[in-house]
Amino acid sequence: MIFMHKIFTLSILSFILLFSCKSKPASLPDQLKENFLSHLRKIDSTVALDSFIVLRIDSIDQRHERAIDDSVYMREFRVVQAQLSNAVMAKKTDSIGFYEDEVDYMEKQADSLSKEISNADTIKILGLVARCKIQLSKHAKIEERTIRYFLDMNMKITNSEMIDPAIATIARKLN
């Protein structure tokens, strides 16, 4: 009877121990790499990821967020300015007016964004940014880039789809 009681107790303890063990979650660099690989496979499964290195992880406050928004906006602004220049050079009178209106509107918005940067909060942390260096290869061609992942305070990636254009551009260069 005592022997049965010991076996029963040991069985229960083994059961509790076995089912209470949780696997360790993947490290942040591993999670970012896996996320990158899943996007790479969707865009071009023939491109190989040679290396993925997390260079730096920084916190983001409201000022950083606004500065990032400003840089993205300014990139788009330069594209519209180039489109206006191309329309002027090609004498596309039907497009010139449209692009002039776009440039005027975007110029005002850019000024507004710049003012917001200087007034933004630098105390409250909104999330993190992980700067990663990637090296991709295909057909003996190699391309290196730096990409950024934005994470919320729960370490959840918030811009996963924003890396797709970078991957697509690199894949085109490797073909």
Protein backbone atom coordinates (compact mmCIF):
# COMPACT_ATOMS: atom_id res chain seq x y z
CA MET A 1 0.00 0.00 0.00
CA ILE A 2 2.82 2.41 0.87
CA PHE A 3 4.55 1.43 -2.35
CA MET A 4 1.38 2.28 -4.35
CA HIS A 5 1.08 5.60 -2.53
CA LYS A 6 4.71 6.49 -3.43
CA ILE A 7 4.16 5.57 -7.08
CA PHE A 8 0.94 7.59 -7.18
CA THR A 9 2.64 10.63 -5.59
CA LEU A 10 5.62 10.33 -7.92
CA SER A 11 3.29 10.06 -10.93
CA ILE A 12 1.41 13.21 -9.93
CA LEU A 13 4.65 15.14 -9.33
CA SER A 14 6.02 13.98 -12.68
CA PHE A 15 2.80 15.01 -14.41
CA ILE A 16 2.86 18.47 -12.79
CA LEU A 17 6.54 18.94 -13.59
CA LEU A 18 6.12 17.83 -17.18
CA PHE A 19 3.16 20.07 -17.96
CA SER A 20 4.27 23.10 -15.98
CA CYS A 21 7.50 23.46 -17.95
CA LYS A 22 7.25 26.13 -20.59
CA SER A 23 9.60 26.48 -23.47
CA LYS A 24 11.73 29.58 -23.42
CA PRO A 25 10.51 32.16 -25.92
CA ALA A 26 12.85 32.95 -28.78
CA SER A 27 15.21 35.86 -28.23
CA LEU A 28 14.38 39.18 -29.87
CA PRO A 29 17.10 38.79 -32.54
CA ASP A 30 15.76 35.32 -33.36
CA GLN A 31 12.19 36.63 -33.58
CA LEU A 32 13.26 39.47 -35.88
CA LYS A 33 15.27 37.11 -38.07
CA GLU A 34 12.35 34.69 -38.35
CA ASN A 35 10.01 37.55 -39.23
CA PHE A 36 12.45 38.75 -41.89
CA LEU A 37 12.80 35.25 -43.33
CA SER A 38 9.04 34.81 -43.58
CA HIS A 39 8.76 38.05 -45.57
CA LEU A 40 11.76 37.13 -47.72
CA ARG A 41 10.25 33.73 -48.58
CA LYS A 42 6.97 35.39 -49.65
CA ILE A 43 8.74 37.88 -51.91
CA ASP A 44 11.49 35.70 -53.41
CA SER A 45 12.21 32.26 -52.00
CA THR A 46 15.32 31.93 -54.18
CA VAL A 47 17.19 34.70 -52.33
CA ALA A 48 19.36 33.46 -49.46
CA LEU A 49 19.77 35.26 -46.14
CA ASP A 50 23.50 35.08 -45.43
CA SER A 51 23.49 37.09 -42.23
CA PHE A 52 21.11 38.93 -39.95
CA ILE A 53 22.67 41.00 -37.18
CA VAL A 54 20.87 43.25 -34.71
CA LEU A 55 23.18 46.24 -34.57
CA ARG A 56 21.35 48.33 -32.02
CA ILE A 57 18.11 48.63 -30.09
CA ASP A 58 16.98 52.09 -28.99
CA SER A 59 13.92 53.47 -27.31
CA ILE A 60 11.55 55.74 -29.22
CA ASP A 61 9.90 58.75 -27.69
CA GLN A 62 7.42 61.09 -29.36
CA ARG A 63 10.22 63.28 -30.77
CA HIS A 64 11.87 60.27 -32.44
CA GLU A 65 8.52 59.14 -33.79
CA ARG A 66 7.84 62.55 -35.31
CA ALA A 67 11.36 62.70 -36.77
CA ILE A 68 10.82 59.31 -38.43
CA ASP A 69 7.45 60.48 -39.77
CA ASP A 70 9.17 63.61 -41.09
CA SER A 71 11.90 61.66 -42.87
CA VAL A 72 9.35 59.33 -44.51
CA TYR A 73 7.23 62.31 -45.51
CA MET A 74 10.24 64.18 -46.92
CA ARG A 75 11.17 61.15 -49.01
CA GLU A 76 7.66 61.18 -50.52
CA PHE A 77 7.89 64.96 -50.96
CA ARG A 78 11.10 64.57 -52.98
CA VAL A 79 9.39 61.97 -55.19
CA VAL A 80 6.56 64.40 -55.96
CA GLN A 81 9.08 67.19 -56.62
CA ALA A 82 10.89 64.89 -59.06
CA GLN A 83 7.59 64.08 -60.75
CA LEU A 84 6.93 67.81 -61.13
CA SER A 85 10.40 68.35 -62.62
CA ASN A 86 9.86 65.47 -65.05
CA ALA A 87 6.46 66.86 -66.06
CA VAL A 88 7.99 70.31 -66.68
CA MET A 89 10.86 68.85 -68.71
CA ALA A 90 8.49 66.69 -70.75
CA LYS A 91 6.10 69.66 -71.12
CA LYS A 92 3.17 67.63 -69.82
CA THR A 93 0.88 70.57 -69.18
CA ASP A 94 -1.94 68.36 -67.92
CA SER A 95 0.29 67.06 -65.08
CA ILE A 96 2.23 70.21 -64.17
CA GLY A 97 -0.69 71.92 -62.39
CA PHE A 98 -1.50 68.80 -60.40
CA TYR A 99 2.10 68.33 -59.25
CA GLU A 100 2.47 72.04 -58.42
CA ASP A 101 -0.60 71.82 -56.18
CA GLU A 102 0.79 68.66 -54.55
CA VAL A 103 4.17 70.28 -53.91
CA ASP A 104 2.54 73.40 -52.41
CA TYR A 105 0.35 71.30 -50.10
CA MET A 106 3.17 68.96 -49.08
CA GLU A 107 5.52 71.88 -48.41
CA LYS A 108 3.08 73.28 -45.83
CA GLN A 109 2.70 69.85 -44.24
CA ALA A 110 6.49 69.43 -44.07
CA ASP A 111 6.81 72.75 -42.24
CA SER A 112 4.10 71.66 -39.81
CA LEU A 113 5.85 68.34 -39.16
CA SER A 114 9.14 70.13 -38.48
CA LYS A 115 7.44 72.33 -35.86
CA GLU A 116 5.87 69.27 -34.22
CA ILE A 117 9.30 67.68 -33.81
CA SER A 118 10.58 70.54 -31.69
CA ASN A 119 7.45 70.47 -29.46
CA ALA A 120 7.30 66.69 -29.06
CA ASP A 121 7.58 64.88 -25.72
CA THR A 122 10.95 63.26 -24.99
CA ILE A 123 10.02 61.67 -21.66
CA LYS A 124 7.39 59.05 -22.43
CA ILE A 125 8.79 55.99 -24.20
CA LEU A 126 6.50 54.72 -26.98
CA GLY A 127 8.44 51.68 -28.10
CA LEU A 128 11.73 50.44 -29.47
CA VAL A 129 13.55 50.46 -32.77
CA ALA A 130 15.90 47.64 -33.70
CA ARG A 131 18.44 48.45 -36.40
CA CYS A 132 19.47 45.28 -38.22
CA LYS A 133 22.12 44.59 -40.83
CA ILE A 134 21.17 42.00 -43.43
CA GLN A 135 23.14 40.32 -46.17
CA LEU A 136 21.30 38.60 -48.99
CA SER A 137 22.69 36.67 -51.92
CA LYS A 138 21.64 35.02 -55.15
CA HIS A 139 23.65 33.87 -58.19
CA ALA A 140 26.95 34.92 -56.57
CA LYS A 141 25.64 38.47 -56.10
CA ILE A 142 25.59 39.92 -52.60
CA GLU A 143 23.62 42.88 -51.23
CA GLU A 144 23.87 44.36 -47.73
CA ARG A 145 21.37 46.73 -46.18
CA THR A 146 20.27 48.12 -42.87
CA ILE A 147 16.61 47.77 -41.97
CA ARG A 148 14.65 48.96 -38.98
CA TYR A 149 12.04 47.12 -36.99
CA PHE A 150 9.72 49.09 -34.76
CA LEU A 151 8.39 47.38 -31.65
CA ASP A 152 5.76 48.41 -29.15
CA MET A 153 6.32 48.20 -25.40
CA ASN A 154 5.18 44.56 -25.43
CA MET A 155 8.03 43.75 -27.89
CA LYS A 156 5.50 43.19 -30.71
CA ILE A 157 6.70 44.19 -34.19
CA THR A 158 4.59 47.08 -35.45
CA ASN A 159 5.99 47.63 -38.96
CA SER A 160 6.42 44.14 -40.31
CA GLU A 161 4.96 44.98 -43.72
CA MET A 162 7.21 48.05 -44.10
CA ILE A 163 10.25 45.87 -44.78
CA ASP A 164 8.64 44.33 -47.87
CA PRO A 165 9.60 47.14 -50.29
CA ALA A 166 13.22 46.95 -49.10
CA ILE A 167 13.27 43.18 -49.62
CA ALA A 168 11.66 43.53 -53.06
CA THR A 169 14.24 46.15 -54.11
CA ILE A 170 17.15 43.97 -53.00
CA ALA A 171 15.65 40.89 -54.71
CA ARG A 172 15.35 42.83 -58.00
CA LYS A 173 19.00 43.89 -57.75
CA LEU A 174 20.07 40.30 -57.17
CA ASN A 175 18.23 38.98 -60.26
